[in-house]
N, C-alpha and C. Protein backbone atom coordinates (compact mmCIF):
# COMPACT_ATOMS: atom_id res chain seq x y z
N MET A 1 13.21 -4.89 -3.21
CA MET A 1 12.98 -5.97 -2.21
C MET A 1 13.37 -7.33 -2.28
N PRO A 2 14.31 -7.61 -2.77
CA PRO A 2 14.58 -9.24 -2.76
C PRO A 2 14.85 -10.05 -1.96
N ASP A 3 15.03 -9.70 -0.60
CA ASP A 3 15.00 -10.25 0.90
C ASP A 3 13.53 -10.44 1.33
N ALA A 4 12.87 -9.55 1.02
CA ALA A 4 12.01 -9.13 1.81
C ALA A 4 10.48 -10.41 1.59
N LYS A 5 9.42 -9.92 3.06
CA LYS A 5 9.01 -11.41 2.29
C LYS A 5 7.85 -10.03 2.01
N VAL A 6 6.58 -10.99 0.78
CA VAL A 6 5.74 -10.24 0.36
C VAL A 6 4.70 -11.27 0.39
N ALA A 7 3.43 -10.48 0.21
CA ALA A 7 2.18 -11.19 0.14
C ALA A 7 1.33 -10.37 -0.65
N THR A 8 0.46 -10.86 -1.60
CA THR A 8 -0.35 -10.29 -2.21
C THR A 8 -1.78 -11.02 -2.42
N PHE A 9 -2.80 -10.01 -2.09
CA PHE A 9 -4.21 -10.25 -2.05
C PHE A 9 -4.77 -9.84 -3.07
N VAL A 10 -6.10 -10.71 -3.50
CA VAL A 10 -6.81 -10.16 -4.52
C VAL A 10 -8.49 -10.16 -4.12
N ALA A 11 -9.09 -9.25 -4.73
CA ALA A 11 -10.69 -9.29 -4.98
C ALA A 11 -10.78 -9.98 -6.38
N VAL A 12 -11.62 -11.29 -6.16
CA VAL A 12 -12.04 -11.58 -7.42
C VAL A 12 -13.50 -11.51 -7.29
N ARG A 13 -13.93 -11.39 -8.79
CA ARG A 13 -15.20 -10.69 -8.91
C ARG A 13 -16.25 -12.39 -8.91
N ASP A 14 -17.48 -12.40 -8.94
CA ASP A 14 -18.76 -13.07 -8.97
C ASP A 14 -18.14 -14.30 -10.54
N ASN A 15 -17.81 -13.62 -11.42
CA ASN A 15 -17.18 -14.20 -12.79
C ASN A 15 -16.05 -14.84 -13.15
N GLU A 16 -15.34 -14.74 -11.50
CA GLU A 16 -14.30 -15.20 -11.18
C GLU A 16 -12.78 -14.28 -11.69
N THR A 17 -13.41 -13.09 -12.41
CA THR A 17 -12.34 -12.35 -12.87
C THR A 17 -11.30 -11.55 -11.89
N LEU A 18 -10.65 -11.29 -12.03
CA LEU A 18 -9.88 -9.95 -11.13
C LEU A 18 -10.38 -8.62 -10.93
N GLY A 19 -11.05 -8.06 -9.68
CA GLY A 19 -11.32 -6.96 -9.42
C GLY A 19 -10.21 -5.94 -8.79
N GLY A 20 -9.26 -6.46 -8.52
CA GLY A 20 -8.48 -5.66 -7.26
C GLY A 20 -7.35 -6.28 -6.69
N PHE A 21 -6.31 -6.04 -6.03
CA PHE A 21 -5.08 -6.48 -5.67
C PHE A 21 -4.64 -5.42 -4.74
N LEU A 22 -3.79 -6.15 -4.03
CA LEU A 22 -2.89 -5.21 -2.96
C LEU A 22 -1.88 -6.24 -2.65
N GLU A 23 -0.58 -5.58 -3.10
CA GLU A 23 0.66 -6.33 -2.63
C GLU A 23 1.33 -5.84 -1.44
N ALA A 24 1.46 -6.44 -0.09
CA ALA A 24 2.34 -5.79 1.11
C ALA A 24 3.64 -6.20 1.16
N GLY A 25 4.46 -5.98 1.92
CA GLY A 25 5.66 -6.34 1.83
C GLY A 25 6.46 -5.54 3.58
N LEU A 26 7.26 -6.31 4.15
CA LEU A 26 7.90 -5.70 4.86
C LEU A 26 9.45 -5.24 4.63
N ARG A 27 9.28 -3.68 5.24
CA ARG A 27 10.25 -3.05 5.09
C ARG A 27 11.06 -3.06 6.23
N PRO A 28 12.50 -2.95 6.41
CA PRO A 28 13.47 -2.52 7.85
C PRO A 28 12.63 -1.48 8.47
N TYR A 29 12.56 -0.41 7.56
CA TYR A 29 12.05 1.19 8.19
C TYR A 29 11.03 1.64 7.25
N ALA A 30 10.30 2.90 7.36
CA ALA A 30 9.56 3.26 6.97
C ALA A 30 9.47 5.10 7.57
N ASP A 31 9.10 5.77 6.17
CA ASP A 31 9.09 7.50 6.74
C ASP A 31 8.05 7.64 7.05
N GLY A 32 8.21 7.88 8.57
CA GLY A 32 7.36 8.51 9.77
C GLY A 32 6.90 7.39 10.52
N CYS A 33 7.43 6.23 10.86
CA CYS A 33 7.16 5.19 11.54
C CYS A 33 8.10 4.93 12.40
N HIS A 34 7.86 4.62 13.49
CA HIS A 34 8.50 4.43 14.20
C HIS A 34 9.05 3.13 15.17
N THR A 35 8.44 2.01 14.80
CA THR A 35 8.82 0.78 15.04
C THR A 35 9.58 0.39 13.52
N ARG A 36 10.36 -1.07 14.01
CA ARG A 36 10.62 -1.71 12.64
C ARG A 36 10.54 -3.67 12.73
N PRO A 37 10.35 -4.02 12.12
CA PRO A 37 10.43 -3.64 10.90
C PRO A 37 8.77 -3.65 10.47
N VAL A 38 8.67 -2.89 9.06
CA VAL A 38 7.04 -2.05 8.86
C VAL A 38 6.67 -3.14 7.63
N GLY A 39 5.44 -3.14 8.34
CA GLY A 39 4.12 -3.59 6.86
C GLY A 39 4.48 -2.39 6.00
N TYR A 40 4.08 -2.46 4.71
CA TYR A 40 4.31 -1.56 3.52
C TYR A 40 3.41 -2.04 2.59
N ILE A 41 2.44 -1.10 2.56
CA ILE A 41 1.22 -1.28 1.39
C ILE A 41 2.49 -1.02 -0.09
N GLU A 42 2.72 -1.81 -0.77
CA GLU A 42 3.63 -1.56 -2.22
C GLU A 42 2.79 -1.25 -2.97
N GLY A 43 1.72 -2.28 -3.11
CA GLY A 43 0.69 -1.53 -4.66
C GLY A 43 -0.40 -2.14 -4.41
N TRP A 44 -1.96 -1.13 -4.36
CA TRP A 44 -3.33 -0.97 -4.27
C TRP A 44 -3.75 -0.84 -5.29
N TYR A 45 -4.62 -1.37 -6.13
CA TYR A 45 -5.78 -1.01 -7.03
C TYR A 45 -6.63 -1.77 -6.76
N VAL A 46 -8.19 -0.94 -7.47
CA VAL A 46 -9.98 -1.70 -7.25
C VAL A 46 -9.73 -1.25 -8.69
N ASP A 47 -10.63 -2.15 -9.12
CA ASP A 47 -11.53 -1.61 -10.53
C ASP A 47 -12.55 -0.09 -10.17
N GLU A 48 -12.48 0.85 -11.00
CA GLU A 48 -13.44 1.46 -10.96
C GLU A 48 -14.80 1.18 -10.70
N ASP A 49 -15.50 0.51 -11.39
CA ASP A 49 -16.14 0.07 -10.80
C ASP A 49 -16.85 -0.75 -9.57
N LEU A 50 -15.72 -1.23 -8.91
CA LEU A 50 -16.00 -2.07 -7.83
C LEU A 50 -15.41 -0.97 -6.12
N ARG A 51 -14.98 0.30 -6.25
CA ARG A 51 -14.93 1.26 -5.74
C ARG A 51 -16.07 1.66 -4.85
N LYS A 52 -15.71 1.83 -3.53
CA LYS A 52 -16.38 2.59 -2.50
C LYS A 52 -17.75 1.75 -2.19
N GLN A 53 -17.37 0.16 -1.83
CA GLN A 53 -17.58 -0.90 -1.84
C GLN A 53 -17.06 -1.52 -0.91
N GLY A 54 -15.92 -1.42 -0.10
CA GLY A 54 -15.78 -2.22 0.77
C GLY A 54 -14.66 -3.23 0.39
N VAL A 55 -14.47 -3.04 -1.16
CA VAL A 55 -13.41 -4.05 -1.86
C VAL A 55 -11.90 -3.78 -1.29
N GLY A 56 -11.50 -2.48 -1.56
CA GLY A 56 -10.42 -2.00 -1.47
C GLY A 56 -9.92 -2.02 0.43
N GLY A 57 -11.05 -1.95 0.97
CA GLY A 57 -10.58 -1.71 2.45
C GLY A 57 -10.78 -3.48 2.92
N GLU A 58 -11.22 -4.61 2.47
CA GLU A 58 -10.85 -5.50 2.66
C GLU A 58 -9.61 -6.03 2.34
N LEU A 59 -8.95 -5.69 1.36
CA LEU A 59 -7.65 -5.95 1.20
C LEU A 59 -6.82 -5.28 1.97
N VAL A 60 -6.82 -4.23 2.03
CA VAL A 60 -6.25 -3.47 3.30
C VAL A 60 -6.46 -3.90 4.63
N LYS A 61 -7.17 -4.37 4.90
CA LYS A 61 -7.56 -5.40 6.11
C LYS A 61 -6.69 -6.50 6.33
N ALA A 62 -6.93 -7.05 5.37
CA ALA A 62 -6.16 -8.40 5.10
C ALA A 62 -4.48 -7.94 4.94
N ALA A 63 -4.28 -7.53 4.35
CA ALA A 63 -2.62 -6.86 4.25
C ALA A 63 -1.99 -6.72 6.17
N GLU A 64 -2.95 -5.58 6.28
CA GLU A 64 -3.01 -5.50 8.20
C GLU A 64 -2.55 -5.94 9.01
N GLN A 65 -3.47 -7.38 8.58
CA GLN A 65 -3.57 -8.48 9.56
C GLN A 65 -2.46 -9.51 9.09
N TRP A 66 -1.86 -9.54 7.67
CA TRP A 66 -0.45 -10.02 7.45
C TRP A 66 0.58 -9.65 8.19
N ALA A 67 0.55 -8.51 8.55
CA ALA A 67 1.59 -7.58 8.32
C ALA A 67 1.51 -7.92 10.31
N ILE A 68 0.47 -7.72 10.73
CA ILE A 68 0.94 -8.14 12.13
C ILE A 68 1.28 -9.48 12.39
N ALA A 69 0.83 -10.47 11.56
CA ALA A 69 1.43 -11.73 11.75
C ALA A 69 2.69 -11.66 11.60
N GLN A 70 3.50 -11.13 10.90
CA GLN A 70 5.02 -11.00 11.00
C GLN A 70 5.50 -10.15 11.74
N GLY A 71 4.67 -9.61 12.94
CA GLY A 71 5.29 -8.99 13.95
C GLY A 71 5.36 -7.28 13.85
N CYS A 72 4.61 -6.90 12.83
CA CYS A 72 4.87 -5.53 12.49
C CYS A 72 3.69 -4.60 14.21
N LYS A 73 4.08 -3.53 14.11
CA LYS A 73 3.34 -2.88 15.34
C LYS A 73 3.07 -1.57 14.06
N GLU A 74 3.23 -1.37 12.49
CA GLU A 74 3.02 -0.42 11.94
C GLU A 74 2.48 -0.73 10.73
N MET A 75 1.83 0.15 9.88
CA MET A 75 1.97 -0.40 8.38
C MET A 75 1.82 1.07 7.57
N ALA A 76 2.32 1.15 6.49
CA ALA A 76 2.70 2.23 5.97
C ALA A 76 2.70 2.20 4.65
N SER A 77 2.50 3.43 3.51
CA SER A 77 1.90 3.31 2.24
C SER A 77 2.26 4.46 1.77
N ASP A 78 2.71 4.80 0.64
CA ASP A 78 2.61 6.18 -0.36
C ASP A 78 1.19 6.18 -1.16
N CYS A 79 1.63 7.62 -1.85
CA CYS A 79 0.93 7.92 -3.13
C CYS A 79 1.47 8.58 -3.43
N LEU A 80 1.27 9.14 -4.99
CA LEU A 80 1.56 10.33 -5.43
C LEU A 80 0.74 11.62 -4.85
N ILE A 81 1.63 12.70 -4.94
CA ILE A 81 0.95 14.11 -4.15
C ILE A 81 -0.02 14.07 -5.03
N ASP A 82 -0.39 14.19 -6.51
CA ASP A 82 -1.61 14.73 -7.10
C ASP A 82 -2.47 13.30 -7.44
N ASN A 83 -2.33 12.41 -6.63
CA ASN A 83 -3.31 10.93 -6.59
C ASN A 83 -4.26 11.08 -5.26
N GLU A 84 -5.29 12.18 -5.88
CA GLU A 84 -6.24 12.25 -4.83
C GLU A 84 -7.20 11.26 -4.79
N VAL A 85 -7.55 10.41 -5.38
CA VAL A 85 -8.09 8.98 -5.52
C VAL A 85 -7.27 8.26 -4.02
N SER A 86 -5.97 8.06 -4.36
CA SER A 86 -5.34 7.35 -3.68
C SER A 86 -5.37 7.63 -2.05
N TYR A 87 -5.11 9.25 -2.25
CA TYR A 87 -4.92 9.60 -0.86
C TYR A 87 -5.96 9.90 -0.01
N ARG A 88 -7.74 10.01 -0.68
CA ARG A 88 -8.43 10.01 -0.01
C ARG A 88 -9.02 8.45 0.47
N ALA A 89 -8.48 7.65 -0.35
CA ALA A 89 -8.93 6.02 0.08
C ALA A 89 -7.94 5.81 1.15
N HIS A 90 -6.80 6.39 1.51
CA HIS A 90 -5.80 5.94 2.52
C HIS A 90 -6.28 6.85 3.69
N LEU A 91 -7.15 7.84 3.96
CA LEU A 91 -7.75 8.38 4.99
C LEU A 91 -8.45 7.90 5.26
N ALA A 92 -9.32 7.22 4.36
CA ALA A 92 -10.56 6.48 4.40
C ALA A 92 -10.47 5.27 5.57
N MET A 93 -9.11 4.91 5.22
CA MET A 93 -9.02 3.21 5.83
C MET A 93 -7.92 3.80 7.51
N GLY A 94 -7.84 5.10 7.24
CA GLY A 94 -7.64 5.60 8.89
C GLY A 94 -6.35 5.64 9.21
N TYR A 95 -5.31 6.07 7.68
CA TYR A 95 -4.10 6.02 7.75
C TYR A 95 -3.72 7.66 7.72
N ASN A 96 -3.10 8.10 8.37
CA ASN A 96 -2.33 9.82 8.50
C ASN A 96 -1.33 9.76 7.60
N GLU A 97 -1.49 11.06 7.01
CA GLU A 97 0.15 11.68 6.26
C GLU A 97 0.73 11.89 7.51
N ALA A 98 1.57 10.69 7.28
CA ALA A 98 3.42 11.45 8.07
C ALA A 98 4.21 12.26 7.38
N GLU A 99 4.19 12.48 6.27
CA GLU A 99 5.09 13.55 6.22
C GLU A 99 5.38 13.54 4.64
N ARG A 100 5.42 14.86 3.99
CA ARG A 100 5.91 15.10 2.31
C ARG A 100 7.24 14.84 1.79
N LEU A 101 7.53 14.25 0.83
CA LEU A 101 9.02 14.20 0.39
C LEU A 101 8.81 14.50 -1.32
N ILE A 102 9.47 15.54 -1.67
CA ILE A 102 9.80 15.30 -2.60
C ILE A 102 10.92 14.37 -3.54
N HIS A 103 11.05 14.09 -4.54
CA HIS A 103 12.19 13.34 -5.04
C HIS A 103 12.50 14.01 -5.83
N PHE A 104 13.74 13.78 -6.72
CA PHE A 104 14.71 14.61 -7.46
C PHE A 104 15.40 13.53 -8.43
N ARG A 105 15.42 13.81 -9.39
CA ARG A 105 16.11 13.03 -10.92
C ARG A 105 16.97 13.58 -11.25
N LYS A 106 17.83 12.93 -12.14
CA LYS A 106 18.57 13.62 -13.07
C LYS A 106 19.19 12.83 -13.79
N SER A 107 18.93 13.11 -15.44
CA SER A 107 19.57 11.73 -16.40
C SER A 107 21.02 11.66 -16.57
N LEU A 108 21.65 11.03 -16.43
CA LEU A 108 23.56 11.23 -16.28
C LEU A 108 23.81 10.69 -17.97
N ALA A 109 22.93 10.51 -19.07
CA ALA A 109 23.02 9.60 -19.85
C ALA A 109 23.68 11.09 -21.17
N LYS A 110 23.26 12.16 -20.72
CA LYS A 110 24.10 12.52 -21.96
C LYS A 110 25.37 13.77 -21.46
N LEU A 111 25.69 13.02 -20.23
CA LEU A 111 27.21 13.24 -19.51
C LEU A 111 28.63 13.31 -20.25
């Protein structure tokens, strides 16, 4: 996303160390969305000891407010199909599964 706007939000612990982050961006579209542009959670992580304490939720809320300020009407995200922690965290924040997609790859190095 070289031309996209991005914003990074961090969770800072009392001892001033990083406890989590969320990077949000603007995408021209996102699968399952109906408006453009779309705010997108590009990366989201919270240390295990801070999970289920509202830290991740505050990061998501900050990103959503940023996306609204950019003119977005929808926010989207993704996670790997086997990442149950991320899947449940998204559901807990009010996100709905829009669709499932399988990505394929093939190495061309030996052709």
